[in-house]
mmCIF file of all heavy atoms, coordinates in Angstrom:
data_MODEL
# 
_entry.id   MODEL 
# 
loop_
_atom_site.group_PDB 
_atom_site.id 
_atom_site.type_symbol 
_atom_site.label_atom_id 
_atom_site.label_alt_id 
_atom_site.label_comp_id 
_atom_site.label_asym_id 
_atom_site.label_entity_id 
_atom_site.label_seq_id 
_atom_site.pdbx_PDB_ins_code 
_atom_site.Cartn_x 
_atom_site.Cartn_y 
_atom_site.Cartn_z 
_atom_site.occupancy 
_atom_site.B_iso_or_equiv 
_atom_site.pdbx_formal_charge 
_atom_site.auth_seq_id 
_atom_site.auth_comp_id 
_atom_site.auth_asym_id 
_atom_site.auth_atom_id 
_atom_site.pdbx_PDB_model_num 
ATOM 1   N N   . GLN A 1 1  ? 25.093 38.930 23.797 1.00 0.00 ? 1  GLN A N   1 
ATOM 2   C CA  . GLN A 1 1  ? 25.232 40.334 23.555 1.00 0.00 ? 1  GLN A CA  1 
ATOM 3   C C   . GLN A 1 1  ? 24.997 40.628 21.980 1.00 0.00 ? 1  GLN A C   1 
ATOM 4   O O   . GLN A 1 1  ? 25.141 39.861 21.203 1.00 0.00 ? 1  GLN A O   1 
ATOM 5   C CB  . GLN A 1 1  ? 26.627 40.791 23.873 1.00 0.00 ? 1  GLN A CB  1 
ATOM 6   C CG  . GLN A 1 1  ? 26.765 40.931 25.374 1.00 0.00 ? 1  GLN A CG  1 
ATOM 7   C CD  . GLN A 1 1  ? 28.120 41.650 25.816 1.00 0.00 ? 1  GLN A CD  1 
ATOM 8   O OE1 . GLN A 1 1  ? 29.062 41.729 25.048 1.00 0.00 ? 1  GLN A OE1 1 
ATOM 9   N NE2 . GLN A 1 1  ? 28.060 42.298 26.985 1.00 0.00 ? 1  GLN A NE2 1 
ATOM 10  N N   . ARG A 1 2  ? 24.605 41.855 21.737 1.00 0.00 ? 2  ARG A N   1 
ATOM 11  C CA  . ARG A 1 2  ? 24.341 42.231 20.424 1.00 0.00 ? 2  ARG A CA  1 
ATOM 12  C C   . ARG A 1 2  ? 25.734 42.252 19.723 1.00 0.00 ? 2  ARG A C   1 
ATOM 13  O O   . ARG A 1 2  ? 26.726 42.786 20.358 1.00 0.00 ? 2  ARG A O   1 
ATOM 14  C CB  . ARG A 1 2  ? 23.735 43.641 20.313 1.00 0.00 ? 2  ARG A CB  1 
ATOM 15  C CG  . ARG A 1 2  ? 23.144 43.944 18.870 1.00 0.00 ? 2  ARG A CG  1 
ATOM 16  C CD  . ARG A 1 2  ? 22.320 45.157 18.931 1.00 0.00 ? 2  ARG A CD  1 
ATOM 17  N NE  . ARG A 1 2  ? 21.186 44.989 19.803 1.00 0.00 ? 2  ARG A NE  1 
ATOM 18  C CZ  . ARG A 1 2  ? 20.170 45.915 19.790 1.00 0.00 ? 2  ARG A CZ  1 
ATOM 19  N NH1 . ARG A 1 2  ? 20.213 47.068 19.124 1.00 0.00 ? 2  ARG A NH1 1 
ATOM 20  N NH2 . ARG A 1 2  ? 18.997 45.721 20.556 1.00 0.00 ? 2  ARG A NH2 1 
ATOM 21  N N   . GLU A 1 3  ? 25.858 41.836 18.545 1.00 0.00 ? 3  GLU A N   1 
ATOM 22  C CA  . GLU A 1 3  ? 27.095 41.736 17.824 1.00 0.00 ? 3  GLU A CA  1 
ATOM 23  C C   . GLU A 1 3  ? 26.977 42.312 16.347 1.00 0.00 ? 3  GLU A C   1 
ATOM 24  O O   . GLU A 1 3  ? 26.002 42.119 15.862 1.00 0.00 ? 3  GLU A O   1 
ATOM 25  C CB  . GLU A 1 3  ? 27.722 40.366 17.831 1.00 0.00 ? 3  GLU A CB  1 
ATOM 26  C CG  . GLU A 1 3  ? 26.889 39.332 17.085 1.00 0.00 ? 3  GLU A CG  1 
ATOM 27  C CD  . GLU A 1 3  ? 27.378 37.899 17.312 1.00 0.00 ? 3  GLU A CD  1 
ATOM 28  O OE1 . GLU A 1 3  ? 28.418 37.749 17.843 1.00 0.00 ? 3  GLU A OE1 1 
ATOM 29  O OE2 . GLU A 1 3  ? 26.598 37.028 16.818 1.00 0.00 ? 3  GLU A OE2 1 
ATOM 30  N N   . LEU A 1 4  ? 28.062 42.968 15.884 1.00 0.00 ? 4  LEU A N   1 
ATOM 31  C CA  . LEU A 1 4  ? 28.205 43.400 14.499 1.00 0.00 ? 4  LEU A CA  1 
ATOM 32  C C   . LEU A 1 4  ? 28.219 42.117 13.633 1.00 0.00 ? 4  LEU A C   1 
ATOM 33  O O   . LEU A 1 4  ? 28.990 41.380 13.787 1.00 0.00 ? 4  LEU A O   1 
ATOM 34  C CB  . LEU A 1 4  ? 29.252 44.246 14.463 1.00 0.00 ? 4  LEU A CB  1 
ATOM 35  C CG  . LEU A 1 4  ? 29.587 44.875 13.107 1.00 0.00 ? 4  LEU A CG  1 
ATOM 36  C CD1 . LEU A 1 4  ? 28.595 45.717 12.642 1.00 0.00 ? 4  LEU A CD1 1 
ATOM 37  C CD2 . LEU A 1 4  ? 30.939 45.581 13.006 1.00 0.00 ? 4  LEU A CD2 1 
ATOM 38  N N   . VAL A 1 5  ? 27.417 42.337 12.542 1.00 0.00 ? 5  VAL A N   1 
ATOM 39  C CA  . VAL A 1 5  ? 27.327 41.369 11.517 1.00 0.00 ? 5  VAL A CA  1 
ATOM 40  C C   . VAL A 1 5  ? 28.058 41.812 10.207 1.00 0.00 ? 5  VAL A C   1 
ATOM 41  O O   . VAL A 1 5  ? 29.041 41.188 9.778  1.00 0.00 ? 5  VAL A O   1 
ATOM 42  C CB  . VAL A 1 5  ? 26.016 40.963 11.107 1.00 0.00 ? 5  VAL A CB  1 
ATOM 43  C CG1 . VAL A 1 5  ? 25.897 39.866 9.929  1.00 0.00 ? 5  VAL A CG1 1 
ATOM 44  C CG2 . VAL A 1 5  ? 25.202 40.318 12.273 1.00 0.00 ? 5  VAL A CG2 1 
ATOM 45  N N   . ALA A 1 6  ? 27.694 42.950 9.856  1.00 0.00 ? 6  ALA A N   1 
ATOM 46  C CA  . ALA A 1 6  ? 28.397 43.676 8.531  1.00 0.00 ? 6  ALA A CA  1 
ATOM 47  C C   . ALA A 1 6  ? 27.983 45.125 8.593  1.00 0.00 ? 6  ALA A C   1 
ATOM 48  O O   . ALA A 1 6  ? 27.142 45.521 9.108  1.00 0.00 ? 6  ALA A O   1 
ATOM 49  C CB  . ALA A 1 6  ? 27.790 42.961 7.309  1.00 0.00 ? 6  ALA A CB  1 
ATOM 50  N N   . GLN A 1 7  ? 28.946 45.901 7.962  1.00 0.00 ? 7  GLN A N   1 
ATOM 51  C CA  . GLN A 1 7  ? 28.802 47.324 7.994  1.00 0.00 ? 7  GLN A CA  1 
ATOM 52  C C   . GLN A 1 7  ? 29.391 47.901 6.624  1.00 0.00 ? 7  GLN A C   1 
ATOM 53  O O   . GLN A 1 7  ? 30.230 47.214 5.961  1.00 0.00 ? 7  GLN A O   1 
ATOM 54  C CB  . GLN A 1 7  ? 29.670 47.971 9.080  1.00 0.00 ? 7  GLN A CB  1 
ATOM 55  C CG  . GLN A 1 7  ? 31.124 47.756 9.082  1.00 0.00 ? 7  GLN A CG  1 
ATOM 56  C CD  . GLN A 1 7  ? 31.802 48.445 10.191 1.00 0.00 ? 7  GLN A CD  1 
ATOM 57  O OE1 . GLN A 1 7  ? 31.263 49.110 10.980 1.00 0.00 ? 7  GLN A OE1 1 
ATOM 58  N NE2 . GLN A 1 7  ? 33.218 48.401 10.188 1.00 0.00 ? 7  GLN A NE2 1 
ATOM 59  N N   . ILE A 1 8  ? 28.720 48.980 6.232  1.00 0.00 ? 8  ILE A N   1 
ATOM 60  C CA  . ILE A 1 8  ? 29.129 49.596 4.908  1.00 0.00 ? 8  ILE A CA  1 
ATOM 61  C C   . ILE A 1 8  ? 29.164 50.992 5.243  1.00 0.00 ? 8  ILE A C   1 
ATOM 62  O O   . ILE A 1 8  ? 28.277 51.577 5.797  1.00 0.00 ? 8  ILE A O   1 
ATOM 63  C CB  . ILE A 1 8  ? 28.165 49.188 3.799  1.00 0.00 ? 8  ILE A CB  1 
ATOM 64  C CG1 . ILE A 1 8  ? 28.624 49.888 2.611  1.00 0.00 ? 8  ILE A CG1 1 
ATOM 65  C CG2 . ILE A 1 8  ? 26.660 49.612 4.229  1.00 0.00 ? 8  ILE A CG2 1 
ATOM 66  C CD1 . ILE A 1 8  ? 27.912 49.334 1.377  1.00 0.00 ? 8  ILE A CD1 1 
ATOM 67  N N   . THR A 1 9  ? 30.257 51.740 4.857  1.00 0.00 ? 9  THR A N   1 
ATOM 68  C CA  . THR A 1 9  ? 30.444 53.138 5.135  1.00 0.00 ? 9  THR A CA  1 
ATOM 69  C C   . THR A 1 9  ? 29.919 54.029 3.980  1.00 0.00 ? 9  THR A C   1 
ATOM 70  O O   . THR A 1 9  ? 29.602 53.485 2.966  1.00 0.00 ? 9  THR A O   1 
ATOM 71  C CB  . THR A 1 9  ? 31.901 53.487 5.317  1.00 0.00 ? 9  THR A CB  1 
ATOM 72  O OG1 . THR A 1 9  ? 32.647 53.298 4.146  1.00 0.00 ? 9  THR A OG1 1 
ATOM 73  C CG2 . THR A 1 9  ? 32.591 52.593 6.411  1.00 0.00 ? 9  THR A CG2 1 
ATOM 74  N N   . LYS A 1 10 ? 29.907 55.332 4.165  1.00 0.00 ? 10 LYS A N   1 
ATOM 75  C CA  . LYS A 1 10 ? 29.516 56.197 3.331  1.00 0.00 ? 10 LYS A CA  1 
ATOM 76  C C   . LYS A 1 10 ? 30.359 56.215 1.911  1.00 0.00 ? 10 LYS A C   1 
ATOM 77  O O   . LYS A 1 10 ? 29.962 56.340 0.852  1.00 0.00 ? 10 LYS A O   1 
ATOM 78  C CB  . LYS A 1 10 ? 29.458 57.596 3.813  1.00 0.00 ? 10 LYS A CB  1 
ATOM 79  C CG  . LYS A 1 10 ? 29.077 58.685 2.790  1.00 0.00 ? 10 LYS A CG  1 
ATOM 80  C CD  . LYS A 1 10 ? 28.924 59.994 3.609  1.00 0.00 ? 10 LYS A CD  1 
ATOM 81  C CE  . LYS A 1 10 ? 30.260 60.561 4.204  1.00 0.00 ? 10 LYS A CE  1 
ATOM 82  N NZ  . LYS A 1 10 ? 30.066 61.744 4.836  1.00 0.00 ? 10 LYS A NZ  1 
ATOM 83  N N   . ASP A 1 11 ? 31.567 55.790 2.135  1.00 0.00 ? 11 ASP A N   1 
ATOM 84  C CA  . ASP A 1 11 ? 32.481 55.655 1.044  1.00 0.00 ? 11 ASP A CA  1 
ATOM 85  C C   . ASP A 1 11 ? 32.500 54.288 0.366  1.00 0.00 ? 11 ASP A C   1 
ATOM 86  O O   . ASP A 1 11 ? 33.132 54.123 -0.597 1.00 0.00 ? 11 ASP A O   1 
ATOM 87  C CB  . ASP A 1 11 ? 34.013 55.955 1.510  1.00 0.00 ? 11 ASP A CB  1 
ATOM 88  C CG  . ASP A 1 11 ? 34.097 57.317 2.169  1.00 0.00 ? 11 ASP A CG  1 
ATOM 89  O OD1 . ASP A 1 11 ? 33.468 58.292 1.600  1.00 0.00 ? 11 ASP A OD1 1 
ATOM 90  O OD2 . ASP A 1 11 ? 34.911 57.540 3.059  1.00 0.00 ? 11 ASP A OD2 1 
ATOM 91  N N   . GLY A 1 12 ? 31.748 53.434 0.853  1.00 0.00 ? 12 GLY A N   1 
ATOM 92  C CA  . GLY A 1 12 ? 31.587 52.146 0.234  1.00 0.00 ? 12 GLY A CA  1 
ATOM 93  C C   . GLY A 1 12 ? 32.359 50.969 0.862  1.00 0.00 ? 12 GLY A C   1 
ATOM 94  O O   . GLY A 1 12 ? 32.395 49.950 0.301  1.00 0.00 ? 12 GLY A O   1 
ATOM 95  N N   . ASN A 1 13 ? 33.130 51.389 1.963  1.00 0.00 ? 13 ASN A N   1 
ATOM 96  C CA  . ASN A 1 13 ? 34.039 50.340 2.577  1.00 0.00 ? 13 ASN A CA  1 
ATOM 97  C C   . ASN A 1 13 ? 33.022 49.411 3.270  1.00 0.00 ? 13 ASN A C   1 
ATOM 98  O O   . ASN A 1 13 ? 32.242 49.694 4.083  1.00 0.00 ? 13 ASN A O   1 
ATOM 99  C CB  . ASN A 1 13 ? 34.953 51.077 3.511  1.00 0.00 ? 13 ASN A CB  1 
ATOM 100 C CG  . ASN A 1 13 ? 35.895 51.844 2.644  1.00 0.00 ? 13 ASN A CG  1 
ATOM 101 O OD1 . ASN A 1 13 ? 36.529 51.405 1.783  1.00 0.00 ? 13 ASN A OD1 1 
ATOM 102 N ND2 . ASN A 1 13 ? 36.158 53.029 3.262  1.00 0.00 ? 13 ASN A ND2 1 
ATOM 103 N N   . ILE A 1 14 ? 33.405 48.028 3.218  1.00 0.00 ? 14 ILE A N   1 
ATOM 104 C CA  . ILE A 1 14 ? 32.556 47.025 3.712  1.00 0.00 ? 14 ILE A CA  1 
ATOM 105 C C   . ILE A 1 14 ? 33.496 46.120 4.591  1.00 0.00 ? 14 ILE A C   1 
ATOM 106 O O   . ILE A 1 14 ? 34.601 45.795 4.262  1.00 0.00 ? 14 ILE A O   1 
ATOM 107 C CB  . ILE A 1 14 ? 31.864 46.211 2.626  1.00 0.00 ? 14 ILE A CB  1 
ATOM 108 C CG1 . ILE A 1 14 ? 30.970 47.021 1.903  1.00 0.00 ? 14 ILE A CG1 1 
ATOM 109 C CG2 . ILE A 1 14 ? 31.280 44.817 3.190  1.00 0.00 ? 14 ILE A CG2 1 
ATOM 110 C CD1 . ILE A 1 14 ? 30.372 46.311 0.690  1.00 0.00 ? 14 ILE A CD1 1 
ATOM 111 N N   . ASP A 1 15 ? 32.821 45.782 5.662  1.00 0.00 ? 15 ASP A N   1 
ATOM 112 C CA  . ASP A 1 15 ? 33.509 44.876 6.620  1.00 0.00 ? 15 ASP A CA  1 
ATOM 113 C C   . ASP A 1 15 ? 32.466 43.801 7.122  1.00 0.00 ? 15 ASP A C   1 
ATOM 114 O O   . ASP A 1 15 ? 31.244 44.198 7.281  1.00 0.00 ? 15 ASP A O   1 
ATOM 115 C CB  . ASP A 1 15 ? 34.175 45.520 7.853  1.00 0.00 ? 15 ASP A CB  1 
ATOM 116 C CG  . ASP A 1 15 ? 35.420 46.204 7.434  1.00 0.00 ? 15 ASP A CG  1 
ATOM 117 O OD1 . ASP A 1 15 ? 36.355 45.602 7.014  1.00 0.00 ? 15 ASP A OD1 1 
ATOM 118 O OD2 . ASP A 1 15 ? 35.380 47.486 7.732  1.00 0.00 ? 15 ASP A OD2 1 
ATOM 119 N N   . TYR A 1 16 ? 32.924 42.588 7.303  1.00 0.00 ? 16 TYR A N   1 
ATOM 120 C CA  . TYR A 1 16 ? 32.165 41.523 7.837  1.00 0.00 ? 16 TYR A CA  1 
ATOM 121 C C   . TYR A 1 16 ? 32.706 40.980 8.986  1.00 0.00 ? 16 TYR A C   1 
ATOM 122 O O   . TYR A 1 16 ? 33.924 40.882 9.235  1.00 0.00 ? 16 TYR A O   1 
ATOM 123 C CB  . TYR A 1 16 ? 31.911 40.449 6.703  1.00 0.00 ? 16 TYR A CB  1 
ATOM 124 C CG  . TYR A 1 16 ? 31.230 40.847 5.560  1.00 0.00 ? 16 TYR A CG  1 
ATOM 125 C CD1 . TYR A 1 16 ? 31.965 41.032 4.404  1.00 0.00 ? 16 TYR A CD1 1 
ATOM 126 C CD2 . TYR A 1 16 ? 29.776 40.836 5.481  1.00 0.00 ? 16 TYR A CD2 1 
ATOM 127 C CE1 . TYR A 1 16 ? 31.346 41.540 3.151  1.00 0.00 ? 16 TYR A CE1 1 
ATOM 128 C CE2 . TYR A 1 16 ? 29.152 41.376 4.266  1.00 0.00 ? 16 TYR A CE2 1 
ATOM 129 C CZ  . TYR A 1 16 ? 29.984 41.623 3.219  1.00 0.00 ? 16 TYR A CZ  1 
ATOM 130 O OH  . TYR A 1 16 ? 29.338 41.930 1.977  1.00 0.00 ? 16 TYR A OH  1 
ATOM 131 N N   . ALA A 1 17 ? 31.797 40.511 9.980  1.00 0.00 ? 17 ALA A N   1 
ATOM 132 C CA  . ALA A 1 17 ? 32.247 39.589 11.008 1.00 0.00 ? 17 ALA A CA  1 
ATOM 133 C C   . ALA A 1 17 ? 32.916 38.317 10.416 1.00 0.00 ? 17 ALA A C   1 
ATOM 134 O O   . ALA A 1 17 ? 32.249 37.866 9.534  1.00 0.00 ? 17 ALA A O   1 
ATOM 135 C CB  . ALA A 1 17 ? 31.101 39.384 12.090 1.00 0.00 ? 17 ALA A CB  1 
ATOM 136 N N   . ASP A 1 18 ? 33.737 37.731 11.194 1.00 0.00 ? 18 ASP A N   1 
ATOM 137 C CA  . ASP A 1 18 ? 34.424 36.474 10.580 1.00 0.00 ? 18 ASP A CA  1 
ATOM 138 C C   . ASP A 1 18 ? 33.326 35.334 10.453 1.00 0.00 ? 18 ASP A C   1 
ATOM 139 O O   . ASP A 1 18 ? 33.478 34.601 9.561  1.00 0.00 ? 18 ASP A O   1 
ATOM 140 C CB  . ASP A 1 18 ? 35.474 36.005 11.572 1.00 0.00 ? 18 ASP A CB  1 
ATOM 141 C CG  . ASP A 1 18 ? 36.731 36.838 11.459 1.00 0.00 ? 18 ASP A CG  1 
ATOM 142 O OD1 . ASP A 1 18 ? 36.918 37.585 10.452 1.00 0.00 ? 18 ASP A OD1 1 
ATOM 143 O OD2 . ASP A 1 18 ? 37.692 36.907 12.364 1.00 0.00 ? 18 ASP A OD2 1 
ATOM 144 N N   . PHE A 1 19 ? 32.445 35.342 11.305 1.00 0.00 ? 19 PHE A N   1 
ATOM 145 C CA  . PHE A 1 19 ? 31.437 34.240 11.340 1.00 0.00 ? 19 PHE A CA  1 
ATOM 146 C C   . PHE A 1 19 ? 30.423 34.353 10.072 1.00 0.00 ? 19 PHE A C   1 
ATOM 147 O O   . PHE A 1 19 ? 29.678 33.375 9.957  1.00 0.00 ? 19 PHE A O   1 
ATOM 148 C CB  . PHE A 1 19 ? 30.715 34.097 12.645 1.00 0.00 ? 19 PHE A CB  1 
ATOM 149 C CG  . PHE A 1 19 ? 29.987 35.386 13.111 1.00 0.00 ? 19 PHE A CG  1 
ATOM 150 C CD1 . PHE A 1 19 ? 28.792 35.809 12.671 1.00 0.00 ? 19 PHE A CD1 1 
ATOM 151 C CD2 . PHE A 1 19 ? 30.590 36.116 14.056 1.00 0.00 ? 19 PHE A CD2 1 
ATOM 152 C CE1 . PHE A 1 19 ? 28.273 36.983 13.069 1.00 0.00 ? 19 PHE A CE1 1 
ATOM 153 C CE2 . PHE A 1 19 ? 30.079 37.349 14.660 1.00 0.00 ? 19 PHE A CE2 1 
ATOM 154 C CZ  . PHE A 1 19 ? 28.959 37.758 14.069 1.00 0.00 ? 19 PHE A CZ  1 
ATOM 155 N N   . VAL A 1 20 ? 30.365 35.432 9.347  1.00 0.00 ? 20 VAL A N   1 
ATOM 156 C CA  . VAL A 1 20 ? 29.513 35.512 8.224  1.00 0.00 ? 20 VAL A CA  1 
ATOM 157 C C   . VAL A 1 20 ? 30.299 35.658 6.892  1.00 0.00 ? 20 VAL A C   1 
ATOM 158 O O   . VAL A 1 20 ? 29.740 35.637 5.701  1.00 0.00 ? 20 VAL A O   1 
ATOM 159 C CB  . VAL A 1 20 ? 28.650 36.656 8.359  1.00 0.00 ? 20 VAL A CB  1 
ATOM 160 C CG1 . VAL A 1 20 ? 27.673 36.343 9.595  1.00 0.00 ? 20 VAL A CG1 1 
ATOM 161 C CG2 . VAL A 1 20 ? 29.124 37.985 8.351  1.00 0.00 ? 20 VAL A CG2 1 
ATOM 162 N N   . LYS A 1 21 ? 31.595 35.830 7.033  1.00 0.00 ? 21 LYS A N   1 
ATOM 163 C CA  . LYS A 1 21 ? 32.354 36.057 5.677  1.00 0.00 ? 21 LYS A CA  1 
ATOM 164 C C   . LYS A 1 21 ? 32.137 34.961 4.830  1.00 0.00 ? 21 LYS A C   1 
ATOM 165 O O   . LYS A 1 21 ? 32.282 33.770 5.140  1.00 0.00 ? 21 LYS A O   1 
ATOM 166 C CB  . LYS A 1 21 ? 33.837 36.310 6.119  1.00 0.00 ? 21 LYS A CB  1 
ATOM 167 C CG  . LYS A 1 21 ? 34.187 37.486 6.668  1.00 0.00 ? 21 LYS A CG  1 
ATOM 168 C CD  . LYS A 1 21 ? 35.676 37.766 6.850  1.00 0.00 ? 21 LYS A CD  1 
ATOM 169 C CE  . LYS A 1 21 ? 36.096 38.946 7.477  1.00 0.00 ? 21 LYS A CE  1 
ATOM 170 N NZ  . LYS A 1 21 ? 37.548 39.133 7.782  1.00 0.00 ? 21 LYS A NZ  1 
ATOM 171 N N   . GLY A 1 22 ? 31.957 35.241 3.554  1.00 0.00 ? 22 GLY A N   1 
ATOM 172 C CA  . GLY A 1 22 ? 31.737 34.343 2.495  1.00 0.00 ? 22 GLY A CA  1 
ATOM 173 C C   . GLY A 1 22 ? 30.304 33.828 2.402  1.00 0.00 ? 22 GLY A C   1 
ATOM 174 O O   . GLY A 1 22 ? 29.977 33.056 1.409  1.00 0.00 ? 22 GLY A O   1 
ATOM 175 N N   . ARG A 1 23 ? 29.501 34.156 3.293  1.00 0.00 ? 23 ARG A N   1 
ATOM 176 C CA  . ARG A 1 23 ? 28.055 33.728 3.396  1.00 0.00 ? 23 ARG A CA  1 
ATOM 177 C C   . ARG A 1 23 ? 27.033 34.885 3.259  1.00 0.00 ? 23 ARG A C   1 
ATOM 178 O O   . ARG A 1 23 ? 26.052 34.765 2.580  1.00 0.00 ? 23 ARG A O   1 
ATOM 179 C CB  . ARG A 1 23 ? 27.756 32.946 4.631  1.00 0.00 ? 23 ARG A CB  1 
ATOM 180 C CG  . ARG A 1 23 ? 28.579 31.740 4.887  1.00 0.00 ? 23 ARG A CG  1 
ATOM 181 C CD  . ARG A 1 23 ? 27.990 30.899 6.054  1.00 0.00 ? 23 ARG A CD  1 
ATOM 182 N NE  . ARG A 1 23 ? 28.187 31.535 7.281  1.00 0.00 ? 23 ARG A NE  1 
ATOM 183 C CZ  . ARG A 1 23 ? 27.093 31.669 8.071  1.00 0.00 ? 23 ARG A CZ  1 
ATOM 184 N NH1 . ARG A 1 23 ? 25.958 31.287 7.767  1.00 0.00 ? 23 ARG A NH1 1 
ATOM 185 N NH2 . ARG A 1 23 ? 27.307 32.451 9.196  1.00 0.00 ? 23 ARG A NH2 1 
ATOM 186 N N   . PHE A 1 24 ? 27.436 36.078 3.893  1.00 0.00 ? 24 PHE A N   1 
ATOM 187 C CA  . PHE A 1 24 ? 26.483 37.193 3.847  1.00 0.00 ? 24 PHE A CA  1 
ATOM 188 C C   . PHE A 1 24 ? 27.024 38.196 2.880  1.00 0.00 ? 24 PHE A C   1 
ATOM 189 O O   . PHE A 1 24 ? 28.351 38.454 2.809  1.00 0.00 ? 24 PHE A O   1 
ATOM 190 C CB  . PHE A 1 24 ? 26.344 37.662 5.281  1.00 0.00 ? 24 PHE A CB  1 
ATOM 191 C CG  . PHE A 1 24 ? 25.542 36.879 6.293  1.00 0.00 ? 24 PHE A CG  1 
ATOM 192 C CD1 . PHE A 1 24 ? 25.298 35.524 5.945  1.00 0.00 ? 24 PHE A CD1 1 
ATOM 193 C CD2 . PHE A 1 24 ? 25.193 37.342 7.367  1.00 0.00 ? 24 PHE A CD2 1 
ATOM 194 C CE1 . PHE A 1 24 ? 24.603 34.715 6.718  1.00 0.00 ? 24 PHE A CE1 1 
ATOM 195 C CE2 . PHE A 1 24 ? 24.486 36.544 8.264  1.00 0.00 ? 24 PHE A CE2 1 
ATOM 196 C CZ  . PHE A 1 24 ? 24.169 35.216 8.051  1.00 0.00 ? 24 PHE A CZ  1 
ATOM 197 N N   . ILE A 1 25 ? 26.103 39.042 2.485  1.00 0.00 ? 25 ILE A N   1 
ATOM 198 C CA  . ILE A 1 25 ? 26.517 40.071 1.594  1.00 0.00 ? 25 ILE A CA  1 
ATOM 199 C C   . ILE A 1 25 ? 25.788 41.375 1.959  1.00 0.00 ? 25 ILE A C   1 
ATOM 200 O O   . ILE A 1 25 ? 24.517 41.303 1.923  1.00 0.00 ? 25 ILE A O   1 
ATOM 201 C CB  . ILE A 1 25 ? 26.437 39.923 0.103  1.00 0.00 ? 25 ILE A CB  1 
ATOM 202 C CG1 . ILE A 1 25 ? 27.194 38.727 -0.399 1.00 0.00 ? 25 ILE A CG1 1 
ATOM 203 C CG2 . ILE A 1 25 ? 26.736 41.123 -0.789 1.00 0.00 ? 25 ILE A CG2 1 
ATOM 204 C CD1 . ILE A 1 25 ? 26.993 38.240 -1.745 1.00 0.00 ? 25 ILE A CD1 1 
ATOM 205 N N   . ILE A 1 26 ? 26.306 42.552 2.251  1.00 0.00 ? 26 ILE A N   1 
ATOM 206 C CA  . ILE A 1 26 ? 25.692 43.718 2.669  1.00 0.00 ? 26 ILE A CA  1 
ATOM 207 C C   . ILE A 1 26 ? 25.867 44.560 1.327  1.00 0.00 ? 26 ILE A C   1 
ATOM 208 O O   . ILE A 1 26 ? 26.903 44.759 0.716  1.00 0.00 ? 26 ILE A O   1 
ATOM 209 C CB  . ILE A 1 26 ? 26.320 44.418 3.801  1.00 0.00 ? 26 ILE A CB  1 
ATOM 210 C CG1 . ILE A 1 26 ? 25.498 45.639 4.276  1.00 0.00 ? 26 ILE A CG1 1 
ATOM 211 C CG2 . ILE A 1 26 ? 27.799 44.942 3.615  1.00 0.00 ? 26 ILE A CG2 1 
ATOM 212 C CD1 . ILE A 1 26 ? 25.872 46.200 5.623  1.00 0.00 ? 26 ILE A CD1 1 
# 
């Protein structure tokens, strides 16, 4: 299934999936 990798909101809040934390930067 399609899964969320990383997201950034209009206010600049950022979240990462656990499997990319520390490796990916949005």
